[in-house]
Amino acid sequence: MSNRSEMRTYRASDGTHWGVDVQLPGASNALIVFHHPDGHTARKDRYAWFNWSGPEASKVNGSVDIDTVRRALNDENVRELFTRSMLVGNGRTPSISAA
């Protein structure tokens, strides 16, 4: 996880302020993690993939720089990413059926 001071914030429509973190950069995408403000559990965090179309995307072994992705994130695409984001955890433990 990035240093909190490096994260931008996103204010959701319900007023919640999420920390926006860039992780796992690849050649053509990076994982964007929305950290829930309570910080007690990662289950409330959300994630989405940010598709990258820079020159790195054409190189299989390339990797976009995290700071480059951070600079590319603007209010509009962060809002779109949050809208399609998914929960990191569902809050339930897996069910185990008896054999």
N, C-alpha and C. Protein backbone atom coordinates (compact mmCIF):
# COMPACT_ATOMS: atom_id res chain seq x y z
N MET A 1 0.84 -1.16 0.00
CA MET A 1 0.00 0.00 0.00
C MET A 1 0.89 1.23 0.00
N SER A 2 0.47 2.24 -0.69
CA SER A 2 1.21 3.49 -0.76
C SER A 2 1.09 4.28 0.53
N ASN A 3 1.98 5.20 0.68
CA ASN A 3 1.91 6.14 1.78
C ASN A 3 0.64 6.96 1.64
N ARG A 4 -0.10 7.13 2.73
CA ARG A 4 -1.36 7.88 2.67
C ARG A 4 -1.18 9.29 2.13
N SER A 5 -0.02 9.90 2.36
CA SER A 5 0.20 11.25 1.87
C SER A 5 0.32 11.30 0.35
N GLU A 6 0.65 10.16 -0.28
CA GLU A 6 0.75 10.09 -1.74
C GLU A 6 -0.61 9.86 -2.40
N MET A 7 -1.59 9.48 -1.63
CA MET A 7 -2.91 9.15 -2.18
C MET A 7 -3.73 10.41 -2.42
N ARG A 8 -4.49 10.37 -3.48
CA ARG A 8 -5.49 11.40 -3.69
C ARG A 8 -6.74 10.93 -2.97
N THR A 9 -7.71 11.78 -2.83
CA THR A 9 -8.96 11.38 -2.19
C THR A 9 -10.09 11.48 -3.20
N TYR A 10 -11.12 10.73 -2.92
CA TYR A 10 -12.33 10.77 -3.74
C TYR A 10 -13.51 10.88 -2.79
N ARG A 11 -14.37 11.85 -3.03
CA ARG A 11 -15.58 12.03 -2.23
C ARG A 11 -16.75 11.40 -2.97
N ALA A 12 -17.29 10.33 -2.41
CA ALA A 12 -18.42 9.63 -3.02
C ALA A 12 -19.70 10.44 -2.84
N SER A 13 -20.73 10.06 -3.55
CA SER A 13 -22.00 10.79 -3.49
C SER A 13 -22.63 10.77 -2.11
N ASP A 14 -22.27 9.78 -1.27
CA ASP A 14 -22.81 9.72 0.09
C ASP A 14 -21.97 10.54 1.07
N GLY A 15 -20.93 11.21 0.57
CA GLY A 15 -20.09 12.05 1.41
C GLY A 15 -18.86 11.36 1.97
N THR A 16 -18.70 10.07 1.73
CA THR A 16 -17.55 9.33 2.23
C THR A 16 -16.30 9.74 1.45
N HIS A 17 -15.22 10.00 2.17
CA HIS A 17 -13.94 10.34 1.56
C HIS A 17 -13.06 9.10 1.51
N TRP A 18 -12.79 8.61 0.31
CA TRP A 18 -11.99 7.41 0.09
C TRP A 18 -10.57 7.80 -0.27
N GLY A 19 -9.58 7.02 0.18
CA GLY A 19 -8.21 7.18 -0.28
C GLY A 19 -8.05 6.40 -1.58
N VAL A 20 -7.42 7.00 -2.57
CA VAL A 20 -7.26 6.37 -3.88
C VAL A 20 -5.80 6.00 -4.05
N ASP A 21 -5.53 4.71 -4.20
CA ASP A 21 -4.18 4.18 -4.25
C ASP A 21 -3.96 3.45 -5.57
N VAL A 22 -2.76 3.56 -6.14
CA VAL A 22 -2.39 2.85 -7.36
C VAL A 22 -1.46 1.71 -6.97
N GLN A 23 -1.81 0.50 -7.40
CA GLN A 23 -1.02 -0.68 -7.08
C GLN A 23 -0.90 -1.58 -8.31
N LEU A 24 0.03 -2.49 -8.27
CA LEU A 24 0.22 -3.54 -9.29
C LEU A 24 0.23 -3.01 -10.73
N PRO A 25 1.07 -2.05 -11.03
CA PRO A 25 1.10 -1.56 -12.41
C PRO A 25 1.63 -2.61 -13.36
N GLY A 26 0.99 -2.73 -14.50
CA GLY A 26 1.44 -3.64 -15.54
C GLY A 26 1.70 -2.84 -16.81
N ALA A 27 1.78 -3.53 -17.91
CA ALA A 27 2.02 -2.85 -19.18
C ALA A 27 0.77 -2.11 -19.65
N SER A 28 -0.41 -2.69 -19.41
CA SER A 28 -1.62 -2.09 -19.96
C SER A 28 -2.68 -1.77 -18.92
N ASN A 29 -2.37 -1.93 -17.62
CA ASN A 29 -3.34 -1.58 -16.59
C ASN A 29 -2.67 -1.41 -15.24
N ALA A 30 -3.43 -0.90 -14.31
CA ALA A 30 -2.97 -0.78 -12.92
C ALA A 30 -4.20 -0.96 -12.03
N LEU A 31 -3.97 -1.52 -10.87
CA LEU A 31 -5.04 -1.73 -9.90
C LEU A 31 -5.23 -0.44 -9.12
N ILE A 32 -6.45 0.04 -9.08
CA ILE A 32 -6.80 1.22 -8.30
C ILE A 32 -7.59 0.74 -7.09
N VAL A 33 -7.09 1.04 -5.90
CA VAL A 33 -7.74 0.61 -4.66
C VAL A 33 -8.33 1.84 -3.98
N PHE A 34 -9.59 1.75 -3.62
CA PHE A 34 -10.28 2.79 -2.86
C PHE A 34 -10.33 2.34 -1.41
N HIS A 35 -9.56 3.02 -0.56
CA HIS A 35 -9.47 2.65 0.85
C HIS A 35 -10.59 3.33 1.64
N HIS A 36 -11.39 2.52 2.32
CA HIS A 36 -12.46 3.05 3.16
C HIS A 36 -11.85 3.83 4.32
N PRO A 37 -12.47 4.94 4.71
CA PRO A 37 -11.86 5.80 5.72
C PRO A 37 -11.79 5.23 7.13
N ASP A 38 -12.58 4.20 7.46
CA ASP A 38 -12.52 3.71 8.84
C ASP A 38 -11.22 2.98 9.12
N GLY A 39 -10.57 2.42 8.10
CA GLY A 39 -9.26 1.81 8.24
C GLY A 39 -9.18 0.59 9.13
N HIS A 40 -10.30 0.07 9.60
CA HIS A 40 -10.29 -1.07 10.51
C HIS A 40 -10.22 -2.40 9.77
N THR A 41 -10.70 -2.44 8.55
CA THR A 41 -10.71 -3.69 7.80
C THR A 41 -10.63 -3.40 6.31
N ALA A 42 -9.95 -4.24 5.59
CA ALA A 42 -9.86 -4.09 4.14
C ALA A 42 -11.13 -4.56 3.44
N ARG A 43 -12.03 -5.23 4.17
CA ARG A 43 -13.26 -5.73 3.54
C ARG A 43 -14.12 -4.62 2.96
N LYS A 44 -14.00 -3.42 3.50
CA LYS A 44 -14.80 -2.30 3.00
C LYS A 44 -14.12 -1.57 1.85
N ASP A 45 -12.84 -1.90 1.60
CA ASP A 45 -12.13 -1.28 0.48
C ASP A 45 -12.72 -1.77 -0.83
N ARG A 46 -12.50 -1.00 -1.87
CA ARG A 46 -13.00 -1.33 -3.19
C ARG A 46 -11.84 -1.30 -4.18
N TYR A 47 -12.00 -1.94 -5.34
CA TYR A 47 -10.95 -1.90 -6.34
C TYR A 47 -11.53 -1.89 -7.75
N ALA A 48 -10.73 -1.38 -8.67
CA ALA A 48 -11.08 -1.38 -10.09
C ALA A 48 -9.78 -1.37 -10.88
N TRP A 49 -9.85 -1.82 -12.13
CA TRP A 49 -8.67 -1.81 -12.99
C TRP A 49 -8.71 -0.58 -13.89
N PHE A 50 -7.61 0.15 -13.94
CA PHE A 50 -7.45 1.32 -14.80
C PHE A 50 -6.68 0.87 -16.03
N ASN A 51 -7.29 0.98 -17.19
CA ASN A 51 -6.64 0.56 -18.44
C ASN A 51 -5.70 1.65 -18.93
N TRP A 52 -4.51 1.25 -19.29
CA TRP A 52 -3.47 2.16 -19.73
C TRP A 52 -3.20 1.97 -21.21
N SER A 53 -3.09 3.06 -21.95
CA SER A 53 -2.86 2.93 -23.39
C SER A 53 -1.58 3.65 -23.83
N GLY A 54 -0.68 3.91 -22.90
CA GLY A 54 0.59 4.56 -23.23
C GLY A 54 1.53 3.62 -23.96
N PRO A 55 2.74 4.07 -24.25
CA PRO A 55 3.69 3.24 -25.00
C PRO A 55 4.05 1.93 -24.31
N GLU A 56 3.95 1.87 -22.99
CA GLU A 56 4.25 0.64 -22.25
C GLU A 56 3.27 -0.48 -22.60
N ALA A 57 2.07 -0.12 -23.00
CA ALA A 57 1.02 -1.11 -23.26
C ALA A 57 1.35 -2.04 -24.42
N SER A 58 2.24 -1.61 -25.31
CA SER A 58 2.58 -2.46 -26.45
C SER A 58 3.75 -3.39 -26.16
N LYS A 59 4.31 -3.30 -24.96
CA LYS A 59 5.44 -4.15 -24.60
C LYS A 59 5.01 -5.14 -23.52
N VAL A 60 5.09 -6.41 -23.82
CA VAL A 60 4.65 -7.45 -22.90
C VAL A 60 5.37 -7.35 -21.56
N ASN A 61 6.65 -7.04 -21.59
CA ASN A 61 7.42 -6.97 -20.36
C ASN A 61 7.51 -5.54 -19.81
N GLY A 62 6.74 -4.62 -20.37
CA GLY A 62 6.75 -3.24 -19.91
C GLY A 62 5.91 -3.06 -18.66
N SER A 63 6.10 -1.95 -18.01
CA SER A 63 5.32 -1.64 -16.83
C SER A 63 5.22 -0.13 -16.71
N VAL A 64 4.01 0.35 -16.57
CA VAL A 64 3.82 1.78 -16.42
C VAL A 64 4.23 2.20 -15.01
N ASP A 65 4.81 3.35 -14.88
CA ASP A 65 5.24 3.87 -13.60
C ASP A 65 4.02 4.30 -12.76
N ILE A 66 4.04 3.98 -11.47
CA ILE A 66 2.91 4.31 -10.59
C ILE A 66 2.66 5.82 -10.57
N ASP A 67 3.70 6.62 -10.54
CA ASP A 67 3.51 8.07 -10.54
C ASP A 67 2.89 8.57 -11.84
N THR A 68 3.20 7.90 -12.95
CA THR A 68 2.58 8.25 -14.23
C THR A 68 1.08 7.98 -14.18
N VAL A 69 0.69 6.85 -13.59
CA VAL A 69 -0.74 6.53 -13.46
C VAL A 69 -1.40 7.55 -12.53
N ARG A 70 -0.76 7.87 -11.42
CA ARG A 70 -1.32 8.86 -10.49
C ARG A 70 -1.61 10.18 -11.20
N ARG A 71 -0.65 10.61 -12.03
CA ARG A 71 -0.83 11.88 -12.75
C ARG A 71 -1.95 11.79 -13.78
N ALA A 72 -2.17 10.60 -14.32
CA ALA A 72 -3.22 10.40 -15.34
C ALA A 72 -4.61 10.36 -14.74
N LEU A 73 -4.71 10.08 -13.44
CA LEU A 73 -6.02 10.00 -12.80
C LEU A 73 -6.57 11.41 -12.59
N ASN A 74 -7.72 11.66 -13.16
CA ASN A 74 -8.39 12.94 -12.94
C ASN A 74 -9.74 12.68 -12.26
N ASP A 75 -10.43 13.73 -11.89
CA ASP A 75 -11.70 13.57 -11.17
C ASP A 75 -12.69 12.71 -11.94
N GLU A 76 -12.75 12.90 -13.24
CA GLU A 76 -13.73 12.16 -14.05
C GLU A 76 -13.43 10.67 -14.09
N ASN A 77 -12.17 10.29 -14.36
CA ASN A 77 -11.91 8.85 -14.45
C ASN A 77 -11.87 8.19 -13.08
N VAL A 78 -11.54 8.92 -12.02
CA VAL A 78 -11.63 8.35 -10.67
C VAL A 78 -13.09 8.08 -10.32
N ARG A 79 -13.97 9.01 -10.66
CA ARG A 79 -15.41 8.81 -10.41
C ARG A 79 -15.92 7.59 -11.19
N GLU A 80 -15.51 7.45 -12.43
CA GLU A 80 -15.92 6.31 -13.25
C GLU A 80 -15.38 5.00 -12.67
N LEU A 81 -14.12 5.00 -12.25
CA LEU A 81 -13.53 3.81 -11.65
C LEU A 81 -14.26 3.43 -10.37
N PHE A 82 -14.60 4.41 -9.54
CA PHE A 82 -15.31 4.11 -8.31
C PHE A 82 -16.69 3.53 -8.61
N THR A 83 -17.35 4.07 -9.62
CA THR A 83 -18.69 3.60 -9.99
C THR A 83 -18.68 2.13 -10.37
N ARG A 84 -17.62 1.68 -11.04
CA ARG A 84 -17.57 0.27 -11.46
C ARG A 84 -16.70 -0.59 -10.53
N SER A 85 -16.27 -0.03 -9.42
CA SER A 85 -15.40 -0.77 -8.50
C SER A 85 -16.17 -1.88 -7.79
N MET A 86 -15.40 -2.82 -7.26
CA MET A 86 -15.96 -3.97 -6.55
C MET A 86 -15.37 -4.02 -5.15
N LEU A 87 -16.11 -4.61 -4.24
CA LEU A 87 -15.60 -4.78 -2.89
C LEU A 87 -14.40 -5.72 -2.87
N VAL A 88 -13.41 -5.40 -2.05
CA VAL A 88 -12.27 -6.29 -1.88
C VAL A 88 -12.72 -7.58 -1.22
N GLY A 89 -13.60 -7.48 -0.23
CA GLY A 89 -14.14 -8.66 0.45
C GLY A 89 -15.63 -8.55 0.57
N ASN A 90 -16.30 -9.69 0.68
CA ASN A 90 -17.76 -9.65 0.77
C ASN A 90 -18.26 -9.66 2.21
N GLY A 91 -17.34 -9.72 3.19
CA GLY A 91 -17.77 -9.66 4.57
C GLY A 91 -18.24 -10.98 5.16
N ARG A 92 -18.17 -12.04 4.37
CA ARG A 92 -18.59 -13.35 4.85
C ARG A 92 -17.43 -14.32 4.72
N THR A 93 -17.44 -15.30 5.58
CA THR A 93 -16.44 -16.35 5.44
C THR A 93 -16.99 -17.38 4.46
N PRO A 94 -16.12 -18.11 3.76
CA PRO A 94 -16.62 -19.10 2.81
C PRO A 94 -17.40 -20.20 3.53
N SER A 95 -18.45 -20.63 2.91
CA SER A 95 -19.23 -21.71 3.52
C SER A 95 -18.56 -23.05 3.21
N ILE A 96 -18.58 -23.92 4.17
CA ILE A 96 -17.98 -25.25 3.99
C ILE A 96 -19.11 -26.26 4.16
N SER A 97 -19.30 -27.05 3.14
CA SER A 97 -20.36 -28.05 3.24
C SER A 97 -19.78 -29.37 3.77
N ALA A 98 -20.59 -30.07 4.52
CA ALA A 98 -20.17 -31.38 5.06
C ALA A 98 -20.08 -32.38 3.93
N ALA A 99 -19.09 -33.22 3.98
CA ALA A 99 -18.88 -34.23 2.93
C ALA A 99 -19.78 -35.42 3.13
